[in-house]
Amino acid sequence: MNYEGILAQGIAQIAQYLWYGILIQAGTFLVTVGLLIYGLVQLKRDNREIMREIGNVGAMTQNVAAMTREILRRTE
């Protein structure tokens, strides 16, 4: 039996599996980072939309207050 050949084959196979493992982990890392970036962008966009809606509610509240003052002024 040629133990050196078998040992070299074993080492080559271990190195190949190690390389596959590194590639899988790198791919998983890239997908995770991509999803994190996407989530943060969506959160920023949603936050901007929420702030705009709060501004709209504030403007509507001011309009209602102005109409109420006008109604009270006319009914005095």
PDB file of N, CA and C in Angstrom:
ATOM      1  N   MET A   1       0.835  -1.188   0.000  1.00  0.00           N
ATOM      2  CA  MET A   1       0.000   0.000   0.000  1.00  0.00           C
ATOM      3  C   MET A   1       0.876   1.246   0.000  1.00  0.00           C
ATOM      4  N   ASN A   2       0.382   2.251  -0.666  1.00  0.00           N
ATOM      5  CA  ASN A   2       1.102   3.504  -0.762  1.00  0.00           C
ATOM      6  C   ASN A   2       0.462   4.491   0.225  1.00  0.00           C
ATOM      7  N   TYR A   3       0.994   4.508   1.454  1.00  0.00           N
ATOM      8  CA  TYR A   3       0.406   5.344   2.503  1.00  0.00           C
ATOM      9  C   TYR A   3       0.592   6.830   2.213  1.00  0.00           C
ATOM     10  N   GLU A   4       1.679   7.180   1.554  1.00  0.00           N
ATOM     11  CA  GLU A   4       1.925   8.597   1.257  1.00  0.00           C
ATOM     12  C   GLU A   4       0.891   9.122   0.265  1.00  0.00           C
ATOM     13  N   GLY A   5       0.511   8.311  -0.694  1.00  0.00           N
ATOM     14  CA  GLY A   5      -0.510   8.709  -1.671  1.00  0.00           C
ATOM     15  C   GLY A   5      -1.869   8.861  -1.019  1.00  0.00           C
ATOM     16  N   ILE A   6      -2.185   7.915  -0.134  1.00  0.00           N
ATOM     17  CA  ILE A   6      -3.464   7.975   0.578  1.00  0.00           C
ATOM     18  C   ILE A   6      -3.489   9.187   1.493  1.00  0.00           C
ATOM     19  N   LEU A   7      -2.391   9.439   2.189  1.00  0.00           N
ATOM     20  CA  LEU A   7      -2.299  10.599   3.081  1.00  0.00           C
ATOM     21  C   LEU A   7      -2.434  11.901   2.288  1.00  0.00           C
ATOM     22  N   ALA A   8      -1.782  11.972   1.131  1.00  0.00           N
ATOM     23  CA  ALA A   8      -1.875  13.168   0.293  1.00  0.00           C
ATOM     24  C   ALA A   8      -3.306  13.360  -0.193  1.00  0.00           C
ATOM     25  N   GLN A   9      -3.975  12.260  -0.562  1.00  0.00           N
ATOM     26  CA  GLN A   9      -5.374  12.345  -0.985  1.00  0.00           C
ATOM     27  C   GLN A   9      -6.249  12.841   0.164  1.00  0.00           C
ATOM     28  N   GLY A  10      -6.000  12.317   1.354  1.00  0.00           N
ATOM     29  CA  GLY A  10      -6.783  12.732   2.519  1.00  0.00           C
ATOM     30  C   GLY A  10      -6.595  14.205   2.827  1.00  0.00           C
ATOM     31  N   ILE A  11      -5.351  14.646   2.767  1.00  0.00           N
ATOM     32  CA  ILE A  11      -5.062  16.066   3.024  1.00  0.00           C
ATOM     33  C   ILE A  11      -5.714  16.936   1.952  1.00  0.00           C
ATOM     34  N   ALA A  12      -5.653  16.484   0.696  1.00  0.00           N
ATOM     35  CA  ALA A  12      -6.270  17.247  -0.399  1.00  0.00           C
ATOM     36  C   ALA A  12      -7.781  17.323  -0.216  1.00  0.00           C
ATOM     37  N   GLN A  13      -8.387  16.222   0.223  1.00  0.00           N
ATOM     38  CA  GLN A  13      -9.836  16.225   0.432  1.00  0.00           C
ATOM     39  C   GLN A  13     -10.221  17.116   1.618  1.00  0.00           C
ATOM     40  N   ILE A  14      -9.438  17.080   2.679  1.00  0.00           N
ATOM     41  CA  ILE A  14      -9.698  17.955   3.831  1.00  0.00           C
ATOM     42  C   ILE A  14      -9.561  19.411   3.414  1.00  0.00           C
ATOM     43  N   ALA A  15      -8.543  19.731   2.628  1.00  0.00           N
ATOM     44  CA  ALA A  15      -8.349  21.104   2.145  1.00  0.00           C
ATOM     45  C   ALA A  15      -9.520  21.529   1.260  1.00  0.00           C
ATOM     46  N   GLN A  16     -10.010  20.605   0.440  1.00  0.00           N
ATOM     47  CA  GLN A  16     -11.142  20.914  -0.431  1.00  0.00           C
ATOM     48  C   GLN A  16     -12.392  21.204   0.410  1.00  0.00           C
ATOM     49  N   TYR A  17     -12.662  20.382   1.395  1.00  0.00           N
ATOM     50  CA  TYR A  17     -13.825  20.613   2.262  1.00  0.00           C
ATOM     51  C   TYR A  17     -13.673  21.892   3.069  1.00  0.00           C
ATOM     52  N   LEU A  18     -12.447  22.179   3.498  1.00  0.00           N
ATOM     53  CA  LEU A  18     -12.191  23.423   4.218  1.00  0.00           C
ATOM     54  C   LEU A  18     -12.478  24.619   3.317  1.00  0.00           C
ATOM     55  N   TRP A  19     -12.047  24.532   2.057  1.00  0.00           N
ATOM     56  CA  TRP A  19     -12.306  25.613   1.089  1.00  0.00           C
ATOM     57  C   TRP A  19     -13.811  25.781   0.858  1.00  0.00           C
ATOM     58  N   TYR A  20     -14.530  24.647   0.711  1.00  0.00           N
ATOM     59  CA  TYR A  20     -15.981  24.735   0.545  1.00  0.00           C
ATOM     60  C   TYR A  20     -16.628  25.390   1.765  1.00  0.00           C
ATOM     61  N   GLY A  21     -16.169  25.043   2.937  1.00  0.00           N
ATOM     62  CA  GLY A  21     -16.702  25.638   4.158  1.00  0.00           C
ATOM     63  C   GLY A  21     -16.469  27.144   4.209  1.00  0.00           C
ATOM     64  N   ILE A  22     -15.267  27.553   3.804  1.00  0.00           N
ATOM     65  CA  ILE A  22     -14.956  28.990   3.779  1.00  0.00           C
ATOM     66  C   ILE A  22     -15.856  29.708   2.778  1.00  0.00           C
ATOM     67  N   LEU A  23     -16.060  29.119   1.599  1.00  0.00           N
ATOM     68  CA  LEU A  23     -16.932  29.731   0.596  1.00  0.00           C
ATOM     69  C   LEU A  23     -18.372  29.839   1.085  1.00  0.00           C
ATOM     70  N   ILE A  24     -18.857  28.787   1.743  1.00  0.00           N
ATOM     71  CA  ILE A  24     -20.228  28.810   2.269  1.00  0.00           C
ATOM     72  C   ILE A  24     -20.366  29.879   3.348  1.00  0.00           C
ATOM     73  N   GLN A  25     -19.395  29.976   4.234  1.00  0.00           N
ATOM     74  CA  GLN A  25     -19.461  30.995   5.285  1.00  0.00           C
ATOM     75  C   GLN A  25     -19.377  32.397   4.708  1.00  0.00           C
ATOM     76  N   ALA A  26     -18.535  32.597   3.688  1.00  0.00           N
ATOM     77  CA  ALA A  26     -18.424  33.913   3.057  1.00  0.00           C
ATOM     78  C   ALA A  26     -19.741  34.275   2.371  1.00  0.00           C
ATOM     79  N   GLY A  27     -20.350  33.327   1.691  1.00  0.00           N
ATOM     80  CA  GLY A  27     -21.640  33.572   1.045  1.00  0.00           C
ATOM     81  C   GLY A  27     -22.718  33.899   2.060  1.00  0.00           C
ATOM     82  N   THR A  28     -22.746  33.160   3.150  1.00  0.00           N
ATOM     83  CA  THR A  28     -23.724  33.425   4.211  1.00  0.00           C
ATOM     84  C   THR A  28     -23.512  34.804   4.807  1.00  0.00           C
ATOM     85  N   PHE A  29     -22.251  35.173   5.015  1.00  0.00           N
ATOM     86  CA  PHE A  29     -21.939  36.495   5.554  1.00  0.00           C
ATOM     87  C   PHE A  29     -22.422  37.600   4.609  1.00  0.00           C
ATOM     88  N   LEU A  30     -22.148  37.426   3.313  1.00  0.00           N
ATOM     89  CA  LEU A  30     -22.567  38.436   2.337  1.00  0.00           C
ATOM     90  C   LEU A  30     -24.094  38.562   2.281  1.00  0.00           C
ATOM     91  N   VAL A  31     -24.793  37.438   2.331  1.00  0.00           N
ATOM     92  CA  VAL A  31     -26.258  37.478   2.324  1.00  0.00           C
ATOM     93  C   VAL A  31     -26.770  38.173   3.583  1.00  0.00           C
ATOM     94  N   THR A  32     -26.175  37.873   4.727  1.00  0.00           N
ATOM     95  CA  THR A  32     -26.586  38.495   5.985  1.00  0.00           C
ATOM     96  C   THR A  32     -26.353  40.001   5.953  1.00  0.00           C
ATOM     97  N   VAL A  33     -25.193  40.420   5.477  1.00  0.00           N
ATOM     98  CA  VAL A  33     -24.895  41.856   5.385  1.00  0.00           C
ATOM     99  C   VAL A  33     -25.863  42.535   4.417  1.00  0.00           C
ATOM    100  N   GLY A  34     -26.143  41.883   3.299  1.00  0.00           N
ATOM    101  CA  GLY A  34     -27.091  42.437   2.329  1.00  0.00           C
ATOM    102  C   GLY A  34     -28.472  42.612   2.933  1.00  0.00           C
ATOM    103  N   LEU A  35     -28.943  41.618   3.665  1.00  0.00           N
ATOM    104  CA  LEU A  35     -30.253  41.714   4.302  1.00  0.00           C
ATOM    105  C   LEU A  35     -30.267  42.806   5.376  1.00  0.00           C
ATOM    106  N   LEU A  36     -29.175  42.933   6.107  1.00  0.00           N
ATOM    107  CA  LEU A  36     -29.086  43.974   7.134  1.00  0.00           C
ATOM    108  C   LEU A  36     -29.136  45.361   6.498  1.00  0.00           C
ATOM    109  N   ILE A  37     -28.389  45.559   5.427  1.00  0.00           N
ATOM    110  CA  ILE A  37     -28.399  46.852   4.729  1.00  0.00           C
ATOM    111  C   ILE A  37     -29.796  47.134   4.177  1.00  0.00           C
ATOM    112  N   TYR A  38     -30.414  46.126   3.568  1.00  0.00           N
ATOM    113  CA  TYR A  38     -31.764  46.304   3.032  1.00  0.00           C
ATOM    114  C   TYR A  38     -32.740  46.688   4.148  1.00  0.00           C
ATOM    115  N   GLY A  39     -32.642  46.010   5.289  1.00  0.00           N
ATOM    116  CA  GLY A  39     -33.525  46.320   6.417  1.00  0.00           C
ATOM    117  C   GLY A  39     -33.321  47.735   6.930  1.00  0.00           C
ATOM    118  N   LEU A  40     -32.074  48.170   7.012  1.00  0.00           N
ATOM    119  CA  LEU A  40     -31.814  49.537   7.493  1.00  0.00           C
ATOM    120  C   LEU A  40     -32.331  50.582   6.508  1.00  0.00           C
ATOM    121  N   VAL A  41     -32.182  50.320   5.210  1.00  0.00           N
ATOM    122  CA  VAL A  41     -32.704  51.252   4.201  1.00  0.00           C
ATOM    123  C   VAL A  41     -34.229  51.329   4.296  1.00  0.00           C
ATOM    124  N   GLN A  42     -34.880  50.176   4.453  1.00  0.00           N
ATOM    125  CA  GLN A  42     -36.336  50.168   4.586  1.00  0.00           C
ATOM    126  C   GLN A  42     -36.772  50.905   5.848  1.00  0.00           C
ATOM    127  N   LEU A  43     -36.045  50.702   6.936  1.00  0.00           N
ATOM    128  CA  LEU A  43     -36.374  51.373   8.196  1.00  0.00           C
ATOM    129  C   LEU A  43     -36.251  52.880   8.040  1.00  0.00           C
ATOM    130  N   LYS A  44     -35.201  53.327   7.363  1.00  0.00           N
ATOM    131  CA  LYS A  44     -35.011  54.761   7.143  1.00  0.00           C
ATOM    132  C   LYS A  44     -36.141  55.327   6.291  1.00  0.00           C
ATOM    133  N   ARG A  45     -36.507  54.597   5.242  1.00  0.00           N
ATOM    134  CA  ARG A  45     -37.595  55.039   4.362  1.00  0.00           C
ATOM    135  C   ARG A  45     -38.922  55.098   5.134  1.00  0.00           C
ATOM    136  N   ASP A  46     -39.202  54.053   5.920  1.00  0.00           N
ATOM    137  CA  ASP A  46     -40.438  54.033   6.693  1.00  0.00           C
ATOM    138  C   ASP A  46     -40.443  55.145   7.733  1.00  0.00           C
ATOM    139  N   ASN A  47     -39.292  55.408   8.344  1.00  0.00           N
ATOM    140  CA  ASN A  47     -39.201  56.458   9.348  1.00  0.00           C
ATOM    141  C   ASN A  47     -39.506  57.813   8.714  1.00  0.00           C
ATOM    142  N   ARG A  48     -38.977  58.059   7.511  1.00  0.00           N
ATOM    143  CA  ARG A  48     -39.238  59.314   6.805  1.00  0.00           C
ATOM    144  C   ARG A  48     -40.735  59.447   6.510  1.00  0.00           C
ATOM    145  N   GLU A  49     -41.361  58.354   6.097  1.00  0.00           N
ATOM    146  CA  GLU A  49     -42.798  58.365   5.796  1.00  0.00           C
ATOM    147  C   GLU A  49     -43.616  58.644   7.062  1.00  0.00           C
ATOM    148  N   ILE A  50     -43.228  58.028   8.161  1.00  0.00           N
ATOM    149  CA  ILE A  50     -43.940  58.249   9.426  1.00  0.00           C
ATOM    150  C   ILE A  50     -43.814  59.702   9.862  1.00  0.00           C
ATOM    151  N   MET A  51     -42.621  60.264   9.738  1.00  0.00           N
ATOM    152  CA  MET A  51     -42.434  61.672  10.129  1.00  0.00           C
ATOM    153  C   MET A  51     -43.260  62.598   9.241  1.00  0.00           C
ATOM    154  N   ARG A  52     -43.375  62.281   7.965  1.00  0.00           N
ATOM    155  CA  ARG A  52     -44.193  63.090   7.066  1.00  0.00           C
ATOM    156  C   ARG A  52     -45.660  63.025   7.476  1.00  0.00           C
ATOM    157  N   GLU A  53     -46.122  61.827   7.826  1.00  0.00           N
ATOM    158  CA  GLU A  53     -47.517  61.678   8.253  1.00  0.00           C
ATOM    159  C   GLU A  53     -47.776  62.423   9.561  1.00  0.00           C
ATOM    160  N   ILE A  54     -46.813  62.389  10.475  1.00  0.00           N
ATOM    161  CA  ILE A  54     -46.972  63.142  11.728  1.00  0.00           C
ATOM    162  C   ILE A  54     -47.062  64.636  11.420  1.00  0.00           C
ATOM    163  N   GLY A  55     -46.262  65.102  10.465  1.00  0.00           N
ATOM    164  CA  GLY A  55     -46.338  66.502  10.048  1.00  0.00           C
ATOM    165  C   GLY A  55     -47.698  66.831   9.466  1.00  0.00           C
ATOM    166  N   ASN A  56     -48.267  65.895   8.679  1.00  0.00           N
ATOM    167  CA  ASN A  56     -49.604  66.106   8.115  1.00  0.00           C
ATOM    168  C   ASN A  56     -50.655  66.179   9.206  1.00  0.00           C
ATOM    169  N   VAL A  57     -50.538  65.332  10.213  1.00  0.00           N
ATOM    170  CA  VAL A  57     -51.491  65.362  11.336  1.00  0.00           C
ATOM    171  C   VAL A  57     -51.369  66.692  12.078  1.00  0.00           C
ATOM    172  N   GLY A  58     -50.143  67.169  12.244  1.00  0.00           N
ATOM    173  CA  GLY A  58     -49.944  68.461  12.902  1.00  0.00           C
ATOM    174  C   GLY A  58     -50.591  69.591  12.125  1.00  0.00           C
ATOM    175  N   ALA A  59     -50.451  69.582  10.804  1.00  0.00           N
ATOM    176  CA  ALA A  59     -51.065  70.619   9.968  1.00  0.00           C
ATOM    177  C   ALA A  59     -52.588  70.541  10.043  1.00  0.00           C
ATOM    178  N   MET A  60     -53.123  69.333  10.024  1.00  0.00           N
ATOM    179  CA  MET A  60     -54.577  69.184  10.124  1.00  0.00           C
ATOM    180  C   MET A  60     -55.081  69.673  11.477  1.00  0.00           C
ATOM    181  N   THR A  61     -54.323  69.392  12.524  1.00  0.00           N
ATOM    182  CA  THR A  61     -54.716  69.854  13.863  1.00  0.00           C
ATOM    183  C   THR A  61     -54.729  71.376  13.916  1.00  0.00           C
ATOM    184  N   GLN A  62     -53.743  72.001  13.311  1.00  0.00           N
ATOM    185  CA  GLN A  62     -53.725  73.471  13.273  1.00  0.00           C
ATOM    186  C   GLN A  62     -54.914  74.009  12.489  1.00  0.00           C
ATOM    187  N   ASN A  63     -55.283  73.347  11.390  1.00  0.00           N
ATOM    188  CA  ASN A  63     -56.434  73.776  10.605  1.00  0.00           C
ATOM    189  C   ASN A  63     -57.727  73.655  11.410  1.00  0.00           C
ATOM    190  N   VAL A  64     -57.872  72.545  12.133  1.00  0.00           N
ATOM    191  CA  VAL A  64     -59.066  72.357  12.960  1.00  0.00           C
ATOM    192  C   VAL A  64     -59.105  73.418  14.057  1.00  0.00           C
ATOM    193  N   ALA A  65     -57.976  73.727  14.650  1.00  0.00           N
ATOM    194  CA  ALA A  65     -57.933  74.758  15.696  1.00  0.00           C
ATOM    195  C   ALA A  65     -58.315  76.120  15.125  1.00  0.00           C
ATOM    196  N   ALA A  66     -57.851  76.439  13.923  1.00  0.00           N
ATOM    197  CA  ALA A  66     -58.189  77.717  13.295  1.00  0.00           C
ATOM    198  C   ALA A  66     -59.684  77.780  12.988  1.00  0.00           C
ATOM    199  N   MET A  67     -60.242  76.676  12.472  1.00  0.00           N
ATOM    200  CA  MET A  67     -61.693  76.668  12.185  1.00  0.00           C
ATOM    201  C   MET A  67     -62.492  76.799  13.473  1.00  0.00           C
ATOM    202  N   THR A  68     -62.059  76.131  14.525  1.00  0.00           N
ATOM    203  CA  THR A  68     -62.753  76.216  15.815  1.00  0.00           C
ATOM    204  C   THR A  68     -62.721  77.643  16.346  1.00  0.00           C
ATOM    205  N   ARG A  69     -61.584  78.293  16.246  1.00  0.00           N
ATOM    206  CA  ARG A  69     -61.496  79.692  16.689  1.00  0.00           C
ATOM    207  C   ARG A  69     -62.431  80.582  15.883  1.00  0.00           C
ATOM    208  N   GLU A  70     -62.481  80.332  14.567  1.00  0.00           N
ATOM    209  CA  GLU A  70     -63.369  81.132  13.709  1.00  0.00           C
ATOM    210  C   GLU A  70     -64.831  80.909  14.066  1.00  0.00           C
ATOM    211  N   ILE A  71     -65.200  79.673  14.306  1.00  0.00           N
ATOM    212  CA  ILE A  71     -66.590  79.362  14.700  1.00  0.00           C
ATOM    213  C   ILE A  71     -66.924  80.020  16.037  1.00  0.00           C
ATOM    214  N   LEU A  72     -66.018  79.928  16.984  1.00  0.00           N
ATOM    215  CA  LEU A  72     -66.259  80.548  18.294  1.00  0.00           C
ATOM    216  C   LEU A  72     -66.340  82.062  18.168  1.00  0.00           C
ATOM    217  N   ARG A  73     -65.542  82.642  17.325  1.00  0.00           N
ATOM    218  CA  ARG A  73     -65.573  84.087  17.128  1.00  0.00           C
ATOM    219  C   ARG A  73     -66.914  84.524  16.525  1.00  0.00           C
ATOM    220  N   ARG A  74     -67.437  83.727  15.595  1.00  0.00           N
ATOM    221  CA  ARG A  74     -68.695  84.099  14.937  1.00  0.00           C
ATOM    222  C   ARG A  74     -69.902  83.903  15.843  1.00  0.00           C
ATOM    223  N   THR A  75     -69.779  82.975  16.803  1.00  0.00           N
ATOM    224  CA  THR A  75     -70.941  82.694  17.660  1.00  0.00           C
ATOM    225  C   THR A  75     -70.951  83.518  18.931  1.00  0.00           C
ATOM    226  N   GLU A  76     -70.038  84.447  19.091  1.00  0.00           N
ATOM    227  CA  GLU A  76     -70.018  85.275  20.306  1.00  0.00           C
ATOM    228  C   GLU A  76     -71.135  86.264  20.312  1.00  0.00           C
TER     229      GLU A  76
END
